Structure formats: C-alpha cells, structure tokens
Amino acid sequence: MNTQLFQGDWVRLTAANPETDAEAVARWTRDSELLRLMSPFPPLPITVGEAKADQERRAARENYFGFAIRALADDRLLGFANLKQIAWTHGEACLGINISEQADRGKGYGTDTLHVLLRYAFAELNLYRVSLEVFADNVRAIRSYEKAGFVVEGRLRQAVHRDGRRGDVICMGVLREEWEKSQNPNPKLQN
C-alpha cells in the first residue's frame, strides 16, 4: 500500500491553485457533457475570472476539503475532488469528484483518486462514512465508485429532468469498516 497520504498509483492530490487552474476550469465549462454529469443545474460557461473567484470561494469554505487532481506522470491537472458537508459529530462527509478532460476519462484516474481520497477521509480525518450522489445514467462513474467500495444505498426517483425525460439519482456510500476490509482483503485467519 502506498504510504504517501496524497498520492495514489496514477494521481496525486494537491491544493487547487486559482491562479494557474482557472483557465482550465473555464475551458472545462464549455464541455456541456461534463457539466451535465456533474450537476443538476443547467450548464453555463464561465470566464477565467469567474473560475478563479469560484475556486477562491471554495477554498475559504468551512467543512470543505478540496483538492486538485494531478497526473503523477506529468503533473497535468486532471480535475478536482472534495470532501464536503462534513458532520463531525457523526463522522460523515459527502464526496465530489470530476475528471474534467474528456481524453482522461475512463483511464483509471478517477478510481485511483477515490482510493486516495477515501484513505484521507478514513485514516486522516477519522470519518466513519462517506456518501455521494450520482446520476443513474452515469454508468462509468457508478462503476468507478463500486470499484472503490461504494454500495448503492438508495435512489431518488425521477429527480433529474434532461432532454425531455426524467432520470434517477443514485445514493451511494462506504463505511470505514468496508474500506478497511478492502485495504486488507486477505486477513490472516486467527484460531
């Protein structure tokens, strides 16, 4: 197992840098497919200045641990991941992630990021549960979440309206003990 807290096999998590990342973020908002997978709100392109201001607002929020996702091979910005809405009393957080460049999707970066972020959530922040919501038609993301240990916990029926049809939102979660078992899938049998 990798002992670098913010590093996986393919990615590393870093602080977001509004000065250098804003141009990429603004470019990504022109990808309506990406925006429609990430948010129930109508896609809206933003300027570099708006992207910078949004990143600065996010960094200043309480109960928000946000990271830039960078490829280990060349340090290129792949997207962003976060733990938010942390309820410390209950040890629970919501997870968000996006691999923003279309050419980088489906190559394992997202799953590797999830492994790093869950290690941070459970081993460093001492959380007990991490949850997320995903559109039911985002099959690639659901597969990645399942690989990282998330299980389906519920369904918000017909919660999204796109292209003249309604779609479900899937609620998924992973508990610390499930994550711990996945870290040591072959524990020694004790007599």
N, C-alpha and C. Protein backbone atom coordinates (compact mmCIF):
# COMPACT_ATOMS: atom_id res chain seq x y z
N MET A 1 0.84 -1.19 0.00
CA MET A 1 0.00 0.00 0.00
C MET A 1 0.88 1.24 0.00
N ASN A 2 0.48 2.23 -0.77
CA ASN A 2 1.20 3.48 -0.87
C ASN A 2 1.12 4.23 0.46
N THR A 3 2.25 4.68 0.97
CA THR A 3 2.26 5.38 2.26
C THR A 3 2.22 6.89 2.10
N GLN A 4 2.26 7.40 0.88
CA GLN A 4 2.14 8.83 0.64
C GLN A 4 0.66 9.21 0.78
N LEU A 5 0.35 10.05 1.74
CA LEU A 5 -1.03 10.37 2.06
C LEU A 5 -1.82 10.89 0.86
N PHE A 6 -1.21 11.74 0.06
CA PHE A 6 -1.94 12.38 -1.04
C PHE A 6 -1.60 11.80 -2.41
N GLN A 7 -0.99 10.62 -2.44
CA GLN A 7 -0.57 10.05 -3.71
C GLN A 7 -1.12 8.65 -3.89
N GLY A 8 -1.57 8.37 -5.10
CA GLY A 8 -2.01 7.04 -5.47
C GLY A 8 -1.04 6.43 -6.46
N ASP A 9 -1.52 5.48 -7.24
CA ASP A 9 -0.68 4.85 -8.25
C ASP A 9 -0.54 5.71 -9.51
N TRP A 10 -1.56 6.53 -9.80
CA TRP A 10 -1.58 7.32 -11.04
C TRP A 10 -1.75 8.81 -10.80
N VAL A 11 -2.24 9.17 -9.61
CA VAL A 11 -2.55 10.58 -9.35
C VAL A 11 -1.99 11.02 -8.00
N ARG A 12 -1.94 12.32 -7.84
CA ARG A 12 -1.67 12.90 -6.53
C ARG A 12 -2.65 14.04 -6.34
N LEU A 13 -3.04 14.26 -5.09
CA LEU A 13 -3.94 15.36 -4.75
C LEU A 13 -3.10 16.53 -4.26
N THR A 14 -3.39 17.71 -4.77
CA THR A 14 -2.68 18.92 -4.38
C THR A 14 -3.70 19.99 -4.03
N ALA A 15 -3.20 21.10 -3.51
CA ALA A 15 -4.06 22.25 -3.31
C ALA A 15 -4.44 22.80 -4.69
N ALA A 16 -5.68 23.23 -4.80
CA ALA A 16 -6.09 23.90 -6.03
C ALA A 16 -5.37 25.25 -6.07
N ASN A 17 -5.02 25.70 -7.26
CA ASN A 17 -4.34 26.98 -7.42
C ASN A 17 -5.17 27.84 -8.37
N PRO A 18 -5.98 28.75 -7.82
CA PRO A 18 -6.83 29.58 -8.69
C PRO A 18 -6.06 30.33 -9.76
N GLU A 19 -4.84 30.73 -9.46
CA GLU A 19 -4.05 31.49 -10.44
C GLU A 19 -3.72 30.66 -11.68
N THR A 20 -3.35 29.40 -11.48
CA THR A 20 -2.93 28.58 -12.62
C THR A 20 -4.04 27.66 -13.14
N ASP A 21 -5.03 27.34 -12.32
CA ASP A 21 -6.06 26.38 -12.71
C ASP A 21 -7.28 27.02 -13.38
N ALA A 22 -7.48 28.31 -13.18
CA ALA A 22 -8.72 28.96 -13.62
C ALA A 22 -8.93 28.86 -15.13
N GLU A 23 -7.87 28.93 -15.90
CA GLU A 23 -8.02 28.85 -17.36
C GLU A 23 -8.57 27.49 -17.77
N ALA A 24 -8.04 26.43 -17.17
CA ALA A 24 -8.54 25.08 -17.48
C ALA A 24 -9.99 24.92 -17.03
N VAL A 25 -10.30 25.43 -15.84
CA VAL A 25 -11.67 25.33 -15.33
C VAL A 25 -12.64 26.04 -16.27
N ALA A 26 -12.29 27.23 -16.70
CA ALA A 26 -13.15 27.96 -17.63
C ALA A 26 -13.33 27.18 -18.93
N ARG A 27 -12.26 26.58 -19.43
CA ARG A 27 -12.35 25.77 -20.66
C ARG A 27 -13.28 24.57 -20.45
N TRP A 28 -13.17 23.93 -19.27
CA TRP A 28 -14.00 22.76 -19.00
C TRP A 28 -15.48 23.11 -18.93
N THR A 29 -15.82 24.35 -18.58
CA THR A 29 -17.24 24.72 -18.51
C THR A 29 -17.86 24.84 -19.89
N ARG A 30 -17.06 24.74 -20.92
CA ARG A 30 -17.61 24.71 -22.29
C ARG A 30 -17.97 23.27 -22.70
N ASP A 31 -17.64 22.29 -21.85
CA ASP A 31 -17.95 20.88 -22.10
C ASP A 31 -19.29 20.56 -21.45
N SER A 32 -20.36 20.72 -22.20
CA SER A 32 -21.70 20.54 -21.62
C SER A 32 -21.93 19.10 -21.16
N GLU A 33 -21.29 18.12 -21.80
CA GLU A 33 -21.42 16.73 -21.35
C GLU A 33 -20.90 16.59 -19.92
N LEU A 34 -19.72 17.14 -19.66
CA LEU A 34 -19.14 17.10 -18.31
C LEU A 34 -20.05 17.79 -17.31
N LEU A 35 -20.49 19.00 -17.62
CA LEU A 35 -21.33 19.75 -16.68
C LEU A 35 -22.64 19.05 -16.40
N ARG A 36 -23.19 18.39 -17.40
CA ARG A 36 -24.47 17.70 -17.20
C ARG A 36 -24.31 16.43 -16.37
N LEU A 37 -23.11 15.86 -16.33
CA LEU A 37 -22.85 14.70 -15.47
C LEU A 37 -22.59 15.12 -14.03
N MET A 38 -22.10 16.34 -13.84
CA MET A 38 -21.68 16.79 -12.52
C MET A 38 -22.78 17.48 -11.72
N SER A 39 -23.74 18.09 -12.38
CA SER A 39 -24.65 18.97 -11.67
C SER A 39 -26.05 18.92 -12.26
N PRO A 40 -27.05 19.06 -11.40
CA PRO A 40 -28.42 19.11 -11.92
C PRO A 40 -28.77 20.49 -12.50
N PHE A 41 -27.88 21.46 -12.32
CA PHE A 41 -28.15 22.80 -12.80
C PHE A 41 -27.83 22.92 -14.29
N PRO A 42 -28.48 23.84 -14.98
CA PRO A 42 -28.19 24.00 -16.41
C PRO A 42 -26.71 24.35 -16.63
N PRO A 43 -26.08 23.75 -17.63
CA PRO A 43 -24.68 24.07 -17.93
C PRO A 43 -24.55 25.55 -18.27
N LEU A 44 -23.46 26.16 -17.82
CA LEU A 44 -23.22 27.57 -18.10
C LEU A 44 -21.73 27.82 -18.17
N PRO A 45 -21.23 28.21 -19.33
CA PRO A 45 -19.80 28.52 -19.43
C PRO A 45 -19.47 29.73 -18.55
N ILE A 46 -18.27 29.73 -17.99
CA ILE A 46 -17.83 30.85 -17.16
C ILE A 46 -16.49 31.38 -17.67
N THR A 47 -16.17 32.59 -17.27
CA THR A 47 -14.91 33.20 -17.66
C THR A 47 -13.78 32.74 -16.75
N VAL A 48 -12.56 33.03 -17.14
CA VAL A 48 -11.40 32.71 -16.31
C VAL A 48 -11.52 33.44 -14.96
N GLY A 49 -11.95 34.68 -14.98
CA GLY A 49 -12.12 35.44 -13.73
C GLY A 49 -13.16 34.82 -12.81
N GLU A 50 -14.26 34.37 -13.39
CA GLU A 50 -15.30 33.71 -12.60
C GLU A 50 -14.80 32.38 -12.03
N ALA A 51 -14.03 31.64 -12.84
CA ALA A 51 -13.47 30.37 -12.37
C ALA A 51 -12.52 30.61 -11.21
N LYS A 52 -11.69 31.63 -11.31
CA LYS A 52 -10.75 31.96 -10.24
C LYS A 52 -11.51 32.33 -8.96
N ALA A 53 -12.51 33.18 -9.09
CA ALA A 53 -13.29 33.59 -7.92
C ALA A 53 -14.01 32.40 -7.28
N ASP A 54 -14.53 31.49 -8.11
CA ASP A 54 -15.22 30.30 -7.59
C ASP A 54 -14.24 29.43 -6.82
N GLN A 55 -13.05 29.22 -7.35
CA GLN A 55 -12.05 28.40 -6.65
C GLN A 55 -11.65 29.05 -5.32
N GLU A 56 -11.52 30.36 -5.30
CA GLU A 56 -11.16 31.05 -4.06
C GLU A 56 -12.27 30.92 -3.02
N ARG A 57 -13.54 31.01 -3.47
CA ARG A 57 -14.67 30.83 -2.55
C ARG A 57 -14.67 29.42 -1.96
N ARG A 58 -14.44 28.44 -2.79
CA ARG A 58 -14.43 27.05 -2.32
C ARG A 58 -13.33 26.84 -1.28
N ALA A 59 -12.16 27.38 -1.54
CA ALA A 59 -11.02 27.20 -0.63
C ALA A 59 -11.29 27.82 0.73
N ALA A 60 -12.13 28.84 0.78
CA ALA A 60 -12.40 29.54 2.03
C ALA A 60 -13.55 28.91 2.83
N ARG A 61 -14.25 27.93 2.27
CA ARG A 61 -15.40 27.34 2.97
C ARG A 61 -14.96 26.47 4.14
N GLU A 62 -15.78 26.48 5.16
CA GLU A 62 -15.55 25.58 6.29
C GLU A 62 -16.10 24.20 5.93
N ASN A 63 -15.57 23.20 6.60
CA ASN A 63 -16.01 21.81 6.37
C ASN A 63 -15.92 21.43 4.90
N TYR A 64 -14.87 21.91 4.26
CA TYR A 64 -14.65 21.62 2.85
C TYR A 64 -13.17 21.32 2.67
N PHE A 65 -12.86 20.12 2.20
CA PHE A 65 -11.50 19.72 1.90
C PHE A 65 -11.43 19.48 0.40
N GLY A 66 -10.93 20.46 -0.33
CA GLY A 66 -10.89 20.38 -1.78
C GLY A 66 -9.49 20.19 -2.30
N PHE A 67 -9.37 19.42 -3.37
CA PHE A 67 -8.08 19.08 -3.95
C PHE A 67 -8.12 19.18 -5.47
N ALA A 68 -6.99 19.55 -6.04
CA ALA A 68 -6.78 19.38 -7.47
C ALA A 68 -6.24 17.97 -7.67
N ILE A 69 -6.65 17.34 -8.76
CA ILE A 69 -6.16 16.00 -9.11
C ILE A 69 -5.12 16.20 -10.22
N ARG A 70 -3.91 15.68 -9.96
CA ARG A 70 -2.83 15.83 -10.94
C ARG A 70 -2.27 14.46 -11.30
N ALA A 71 -1.95 14.28 -12.57
CA ALA A 71 -1.35 13.03 -13.05
C ALA A 71 0.07 12.94 -12.52
N LEU A 72 0.43 11.78 -11.97
CA LEU A 72 1.80 11.58 -11.49
C LEU A 72 2.81 11.68 -12.63
N ALA A 73 2.45 11.19 -13.79
CA ALA A 73 3.40 11.10 -14.91
C ALA A 73 3.90 12.47 -15.37
N ASP A 74 3.00 13.47 -15.42
CA ASP A 74 3.41 14.76 -15.98
C ASP A 74 2.86 15.97 -15.23
N ASP A 75 2.25 15.75 -14.08
CA ASP A 75 1.73 16.81 -13.22
C ASP A 75 0.61 17.63 -13.86
N ARG A 76 -0.01 17.09 -14.90
CA ARG A 76 -1.10 17.83 -15.55
C ARG A 76 -2.36 17.77 -14.70
N LEU A 77 -3.11 18.87 -14.72
CA LEU A 77 -4.36 18.97 -13.98
C LEU A 77 -5.41 18.10 -14.66
N LEU A 78 -5.97 17.15 -13.89
CA LEU A 78 -6.98 16.23 -14.42
C LEU A 78 -8.39 16.62 -14.01
N GLY A 79 -8.53 17.28 -12.87
CA GLY A 79 -9.85 17.62 -12.36
C GLY A 79 -9.75 17.97 -10.89
N PHE A 80 -10.87 17.79 -10.18
CA PHE A 80 -10.93 18.16 -8.77
C PHE A 80 -11.70 17.11 -7.98
N ALA A 81 -11.40 17.03 -6.70
CA ALA A 81 -12.12 16.13 -5.79
C ALA A 81 -12.27 16.84 -4.45
N ASN A 82 -13.30 16.47 -3.71
CA ASN A 82 -13.51 17.12 -2.41
C ASN A 82 -14.29 16.25 -1.45
N LEU A 83 -14.13 16.57 -0.20
CA LEU A 83 -14.99 16.08 0.88
C LEU A 83 -15.66 17.31 1.44
N LYS A 84 -16.98 17.29 1.53
CA LYS A 84 -17.71 18.48 1.97
C LYS A 84 -18.87 18.08 2.86
N GLN A 85 -19.56 19.10 3.37
CA GLN A 85 -20.71 18.88 4.25
C GLN A 85 -20.36 17.90 5.36
N ILE A 86 -19.21 18.10 5.98
CA ILE A 86 -18.75 17.17 7.00
C ILE A 86 -19.53 17.39 8.29
N ALA A 87 -20.12 16.33 8.77
CA ALA A 87 -20.80 16.33 10.07
C ALA A 87 -19.87 15.63 11.04
N TRP A 88 -19.05 16.40 11.74
CA TRP A 88 -18.01 15.82 12.60
C TRP A 88 -18.61 14.97 13.71
N THR A 89 -19.74 15.36 14.25
CA THR A 89 -20.37 14.59 15.32
C THR A 89 -20.68 13.17 14.87
N HIS A 90 -21.08 13.03 13.62
CA HIS A 90 -21.46 11.72 13.09
C HIS A 90 -20.34 11.05 12.30
N GLY A 91 -19.29 11.80 12.01
CA GLY A 91 -18.18 11.24 11.23
C GLY A 91 -18.56 10.97 9.79
N GLU A 92 -19.28 11.91 9.20
CA GLU A 92 -19.81 11.68 7.85
C GLU A 92 -19.46 12.85 6.94
N ALA A 93 -19.22 12.54 5.66
CA ALA A 93 -18.95 13.57 4.66
C ALA A 93 -19.52 13.15 3.32
N CYS A 94 -19.72 14.14 2.46
CA CYS A 94 -20.12 13.90 1.07
C CYS A 94 -18.88 14.06 0.20
N LEU A 95 -18.79 13.25 -0.82
CA LEU A 95 -17.64 13.26 -1.71
C LEU A 95 -18.07 13.77 -3.08
N GLY A 96 -17.20 14.55 -3.68
CA GLY A 96 -17.40 15.00 -5.06
C GLY A 96 -16.12 14.80 -5.84
N ILE A 97 -16.24 14.46 -7.10
CA ILE A 97 -15.06 14.22 -7.93
C ILE A 97 -15.42 14.47 -9.39
N ASN A 98 -14.45 15.00 -10.13
CA ASN A 98 -14.61 15.04 -11.58
C ASN A 98 -13.25 14.96 -12.25
N ILE A 99 -13.20 14.13 -13.27
CA ILE A 99 -12.06 14.08 -14.17
C ILE A 99 -12.54 14.89 -15.37
N SER A 100 -11.96 16.06 -15.54
CA SER A 100 -12.57 17.06 -16.40
C SER A 100 -12.19 16.97 -17.88
N GLU A 101 -10.98 16.56 -18.20
CA GLU A 101 -10.60 16.43 -19.61
C GLU A 101 -11.20 15.15 -20.17
N GLN A 102 -11.95 15.28 -21.23
CA GLN A 102 -12.62 14.12 -21.82
C GLN A 102 -11.62 13.01 -22.16
N ALA A 103 -10.45 13.36 -22.64
CA ALA A 103 -9.45 12.35 -23.03
C ALA A 103 -8.91 11.58 -21.83
N ASP A 104 -9.07 12.11 -20.63
CA ASP A 104 -8.56 11.45 -19.42
C ASP A 104 -9.60 10.57 -18.73
N ARG A 105 -10.84 10.64 -19.16
CA ARG A 105 -11.90 9.85 -18.52
C ARG A 105 -11.81 8.39 -18.96
N GLY A 106 -12.13 7.50 -18.04
CA GLY A 106 -12.14 6.07 -18.35
C GLY A 106 -10.76 5.43 -18.34
N LYS A 107 -9.77 6.11 -17.76
CA LYS A 107 -8.40 5.58 -17.76
C LYS A 107 -7.92 5.20 -16.36
N GLY A 108 -8.82 5.20 -15.38
CA GLY A 108 -8.45 4.79 -14.03
C GLY A 108 -8.07 5.92 -13.10
N TYR A 109 -7.97 7.13 -13.61
CA TYR A 109 -7.60 8.27 -12.76
C TYR A 109 -8.65 8.51 -11.67
N GLY A 110 -9.91 8.40 -12.03
CA GLY A 110 -10.98 8.64 -11.06
C GLY A 110 -10.98 7.61 -9.94
N THR A 111 -10.84 6.35 -10.30
CA THR A 111 -10.82 5.29 -9.29
C THR A 111 -9.61 5.45 -8.37
N ASP A 112 -8.46 5.77 -8.94
CA ASP A 112 -7.26 5.99 -8.12
C ASP A 112 -7.47 7.18 -7.18
N THR A 113 -8.08 8.24 -7.69
CA THR A 113 -8.38 9.41 -6.86
C THR A 113 -9.30 9.03 -5.71
N LEU A 114 -10.31 8.22 -5.99
CA LEU A 114 -11.23 7.78 -4.94
C LEU A 114 -10.48 7.02 -3.85
N HIS A 115 -9.56 6.15 -4.23
CA HIS A 115 -8.79 5.41 -3.22
C HIS A 115 -7.99 6.36 -2.33
N VAL A 116 -7.36 7.36 -2.93
CA VAL A 116 -6.57 8.32 -2.16
C VAL A 116 -7.48 9.15 -1.26
N LEU A 117 -8.59 9.62 -1.79
CA LEU A 117 -9.50 10.47 -1.02
C LEU A 117 -10.15 9.70 0.13
N LEU A 118 -10.49 8.44 -0.10
CA LEU A 118 -11.07 7.63 0.99
C LEU A 118 -10.03 7.33 2.06
N ARG A 119 -8.80 7.08 1.66
CA ARG A 119 -7.73 6.89 2.64
C ARG A 119 -7.61 8.14 3.51
N TYR A 120 -7.65 9.30 2.90
CA TYR A 120 -7.58 10.57 3.63
C TYR A 120 -8.80 10.71 4.57
N ALA A 121 -9.98 10.39 4.06
CA ALA A 121 -11.21 10.53 4.85
C ALA A 121 -11.21 9.63 6.08
N PHE A 122 -10.83 8.37 5.89
CA PHE A 122 -10.93 7.41 6.98
C PHE A 122 -9.69 7.38 7.87
N ALA A 123 -8.51 7.42 7.28
CA ALA A 123 -7.29 7.29 8.08
C ALA A 123 -6.83 8.62 8.68
N GLU A 124 -7.08 9.72 7.99
CA GLU A 124 -6.57 11.01 8.47
C GLU A 124 -7.66 11.82 9.19
N LEU A 125 -8.84 11.93 8.57
CA LEU A 125 -9.92 12.72 9.18
C LEU A 125 -10.74 11.91 10.18
N ASN A 126 -10.51 10.61 10.24
CA ASN A 126 -11.21 9.73 11.17
C ASN A 126 -12.72 9.73 10.94
N LEU A 127 -13.13 9.81 9.70
CA LEU A 127 -14.56 9.75 9.39
C LEU A 127 -15.03 8.31 9.45
N TYR A 128 -16.32 8.14 9.57
CA TYR A 128 -16.90 6.80 9.62
C TYR A 128 -17.62 6.43 8.32
N ARG A 129 -18.15 7.45 7.64
CA ARG A 129 -18.98 7.20 6.46
C ARG A 129 -18.76 8.29 5.43
N VAL A 130 -18.68 7.89 4.16
CA VAL A 130 -18.58 8.85 3.06
C VAL A 130 -19.68 8.49 2.06
N SER A 131 -20.41 9.50 1.64
CA SER A 131 -21.51 9.26 0.71
C SER A 131 -21.38 10.16 -0.51
N LEU A 132 -22.18 9.85 -1.51
CA LEU A 132 -22.22 10.66 -2.73
C LEU A 132 -23.53 10.40 -3.44
N GLU A 133 -23.82 11.27 -4.40
CA GLU A 133 -24.96 11.07 -5.28
C GLU A 133 -24.46 11.13 -6.71
N VAL A 134 -25.04 10.30 -7.57
CA VAL A 134 -24.62 10.22 -8.97
C VAL A 134 -25.86 9.98 -9.83
N PHE A 135 -25.88 10.60 -11.00
CA PHE A 135 -26.99 10.37 -11.92
C PHE A 135 -26.96 8.93 -12.39
N ALA A 136 -28.11 8.30 -12.46
CA ALA A 136 -28.20 6.87 -12.78
C ALA A 136 -27.64 6.55 -14.17
N ASP A 137 -27.66 7.51 -15.08
CA ASP A 137 -27.14 7.22 -16.42
C ASP A 137 -25.63 7.45 -16.53
N ASN A 138 -24.98 7.80 -15.44
CA ASN A 138 -23.52 7.97 -15.43
C ASN A 138 -22.88 6.63 -15.04
N VAL A 139 -23.00 5.67 -15.93
CA VAL A 139 -22.59 4.30 -15.68
C VAL A 139 -21.09 4.20 -15.37
N ARG A 140 -20.28 4.94 -16.08
CA ARG A 140 -18.83 4.90 -15.88
C ARG A 140 -18.48 5.33 -14.45
N ALA A 141 -19.11 6.39 -13.96
CA ALA A 141 -18.84 6.85 -12.59
C ALA A 141 -19.31 5.81 -11.57
N ILE A 142 -20.48 5.25 -11.78
CA ILE A 142 -21.00 4.25 -10.84
C ILE A 142 -20.05 3.06 -10.75
N ARG A 143 -19.52 2.60 -11.88
CA ARG A 143 -18.54 1.50 -11.87
C ARG A 143 -17.30 1.89 -11.06
N SER A 144 -16.83 3.10 -11.25
CA SER A 144 -15.65 3.57 -10.52
C SER A 144 -15.93 3.62 -9.02
N TYR A 145 -17.10 4.12 -8.64
CA TYR A 145 -17.46 4.17 -7.22
C TYR A 145 -17.53 2.78 -6.62
N GLU A 146 -18.12 1.85 -7.35
CA GLU A 146 -18.20 0.47 -6.85
C GLU A 146 -16.81 -0.14 -6.68
N LYS A 147 -15.90 0.12 -7.63
CA LYS A 147 -14.52 -0.38 -7.51
C LYS A 147 -13.85 0.15 -6.25
N ALA A 148 -14.22 1.38 -5.85
CA ALA A 148 -13.62 2.00 -4.67
C ALA A 148 -14.31 1.56 -3.37
N GLY A 149 -15.39 0.74 -3.48
CA GLY A 149 -16.03 0.21 -2.29
C GLY A 149 -17.40 0.78 -1.99
N PHE A 150 -17.88 1.73 -2.76
CA PHE A 150 -19.20 2.30 -2.52
C PHE A 150 -20.28 1.29 -2.87
N VAL A 151 -21.38 1.32 -2.12
CA VAL A 151 -22.53 0.48 -2.41
C VAL A 151 -23.75 1.38 -2.58
N VAL A 152 -24.70 0.90 -3.36
CA VAL A 152 -25.94 1.65 -3.56
C VAL A 152 -26.76 1.60 -2.27
N GLU A 153 -27.15 2.76 -1.80
CA GLU A 153 -27.95 2.85 -0.58
C GLU A 153 -29.38 3.30 -0.84
N GLY A 154 -29.60 3.88 -1.99
CA GLY A 154 -30.95 4.35 -2.29
C GLY A 154 -31.02 5.00 -3.65
N ARG A 155 -32.21 5.45 -3.96
CA ARG A 155 -32.47 6.02 -5.28
C ARG A 155 -33.48 7.16 -5.11
N LEU A 156 -33.14 8.30 -5.68
CA LEU A 156 -34.10 9.41 -5.75
C LEU A 156 -34.76 9.29 -7.12
N ARG A 157 -35.98 8.82 -7.11
CA ARG A 157 -36.66 8.51 -8.36
C ARG A 157 -37.03 9.78 -9.13
N GLN A 158 -36.68 9.76 -10.41
CA GLN A 158 -37.03 10.81 -11.36
C GLN A 158 -36.69 12.20 -10.83
N ALA A 159 -35.54 12.33 -10.20
CA ALA A 159 -35.12 13.59 -9.59
C ALA A 159 -34.49 14.57 -10.57
N VAL A 160 -34.12 14.08 -11.76
CA VAL A 160 -33.46 14.93 -12.75
C VAL A 160 -34.30 14.95 -14.02
N HIS A 161 -34.40 16.13 -14.63
CA HIS A 161 -35.12 16.26 -15.89
C HIS A 161 -34.15 16.79 -16.94
N ARG A 162 -33.86 15.96 -17.93
CA ARG A 162 -32.94 16.35 -19.01
C ARG A 162 -33.47 15.81 -20.33
N ASP A 163 -33.37 16.64 -21.34
CA ASP A 163 -33.71 16.24 -22.71
C ASP A 163 -35.12 15.65 -22.80
N GLY A 164 -36.04 16.22 -22.06
CA GLY A 164 -37.42 15.79 -22.13
C GLY A 164 -37.74 14.49 -21.41
N ARG A 165 -36.80 13.99 -20.63
CA ARG A 165 -37.09 12.76 -19.87
C ARG A 165 -36.57 12.89 -18.45
N ARG A 166 -37.12 12.10 -17.58
CA ARG A 166 -36.74 12.13 -16.17
C ARG A 166 -35.75 11.00 -15.89
N GLY A 167 -34.86 11.25 -14.93
CA GLY A 167 -33.87 10.24 -14.57
C GLY A 167 -33.69 10.18 -13.06
N ASP A 168 -33.18 9.07 -12.59
CA ASP A 168 -32.96 8.85 -11.17
C ASP A 168 -31.59 9.34 -10.74
N VAL A 169 -31.47 9.60 -9.45
CA VAL A 169 -30.20 9.89 -8.81
C VAL A 169 -29.92 8.73 -7.86
N ILE A 170 -28.73 8.15 -7.94
CA ILE A 170 -28.35 7.02 -7.10
C ILE A 170 -27.58 7.56 -5.89
N CYS A 171 -27.95 7.12 -4.71
CA CYS A 171 -27.25 7.48 -3.48
C CYS A 171 -26.34 6.30 -3.12
N MET A 172 -25.05 6.60 -2.91
CA MET A 172 -24.09 5.55 -2.62
C MET A 172 -23.29 5.95 -1.38
N GLY A 173 -22.75 4.95 -0.69
CA GLY A 173 -21.94 5.24 0.48
C GLY A 173 -20.97 4.10 0.76
N VAL A 174 -19.96 4.44 1.56
CA VAL A 174 -18.99 3.44 2.01
C VAL A 174 -18.70 3.73 3.48
N LEU A 175 -18.64 2.67 4.28
CA LEU A 175 -18.34 2.79 5.70
C LEU A 175 -16.86 2.49 5.94
N ARG A 176 -16.33 3.02 7.03
CA ARG A 176 -14.92 2.81 7.33
C ARG A 176 -14.57 1.32 7.37
N GLU A 177 -15.40 0.49 8.01
CA GLU A 177 -15.06 -0.94 8.12
C GLU A 177 -15.04 -1.61 6.75
N GLU A 178 -15.89 -1.16 5.82
CA GLU A 178 -15.86 -1.69 4.46
C GLU A 178 -14.56 -1.29 3.76
N TRP A 179 -14.16 -0.04 3.97
CA TRP A 179 -12.92 0.44 3.38
C TRP A 179 -11.73 -0.31 3.97
N GLU A 180 -11.73 -0.51 5.29
CA GLU A 180 -10.62 -1.24 5.94
C GLU A 180 -10.50 -2.65 5.40
N LYS A 181 -11.63 -3.34 5.20
CA LYS A 181 -11.59 -4.70 4.63
C LYS A 181 -11.01 -4.68 3.22
N SER A 182 -11.34 -3.65 2.45
CA SER A 182 -10.82 -3.57 1.09
C SER A 182 -9.31 -3.31 1.07
N GLN A 183 -8.77 -2.73 2.15
CA GLN A 183 -7.34 -2.47 2.24
C GLN A 183 -6.56 -3.73 2.58
N ASN A 184 -7.25 -4.68 3.21
CA ASN A 184 -6.62 -5.94 3.60
C ASN A 184 -7.58 -7.08 3.25
N PRO A 185 -7.71 -7.38 1.95
CA PRO A 185 -8.73 -8.35 1.53
C PRO A 185 -8.48 -9.79 1.96
N ASN A 186 -7.25 -10.12 2.40
CA ASN A 186 -6.96 -11.48 2.82
C ASN A 186 -6.38 -11.50 4.24
N PRO A 187 -7.18 -11.09 5.22
CA PRO A 187 -6.64 -11.10 6.57
C PRO A 187 -6.31 -12.52 7.02
N LYS A 188 -5.28 -12.65 7.83
CA LYS A 188 -4.90 -13.98 8.34
C LYS A 188 -6.00 -14.51 9.24
N LEU A 189 -6.27 -15.77 9.09
CA LEU A 189 -7.25 -16.40 9.95
C LEU A 189 -6.65 -16.58 11.35
N GLN A 190 -7.46 -16.26 12.34
CA GLN A 190 -6.98 -16.44 13.71
C GLN A 190 -7.68 -17.63 14.33
N ASN A 191 -6.93 -18.42 15.13
CA ASN A 191 -7.50 -19.59 15.78
C ASN A 191 -8.02 -19.23 17.14
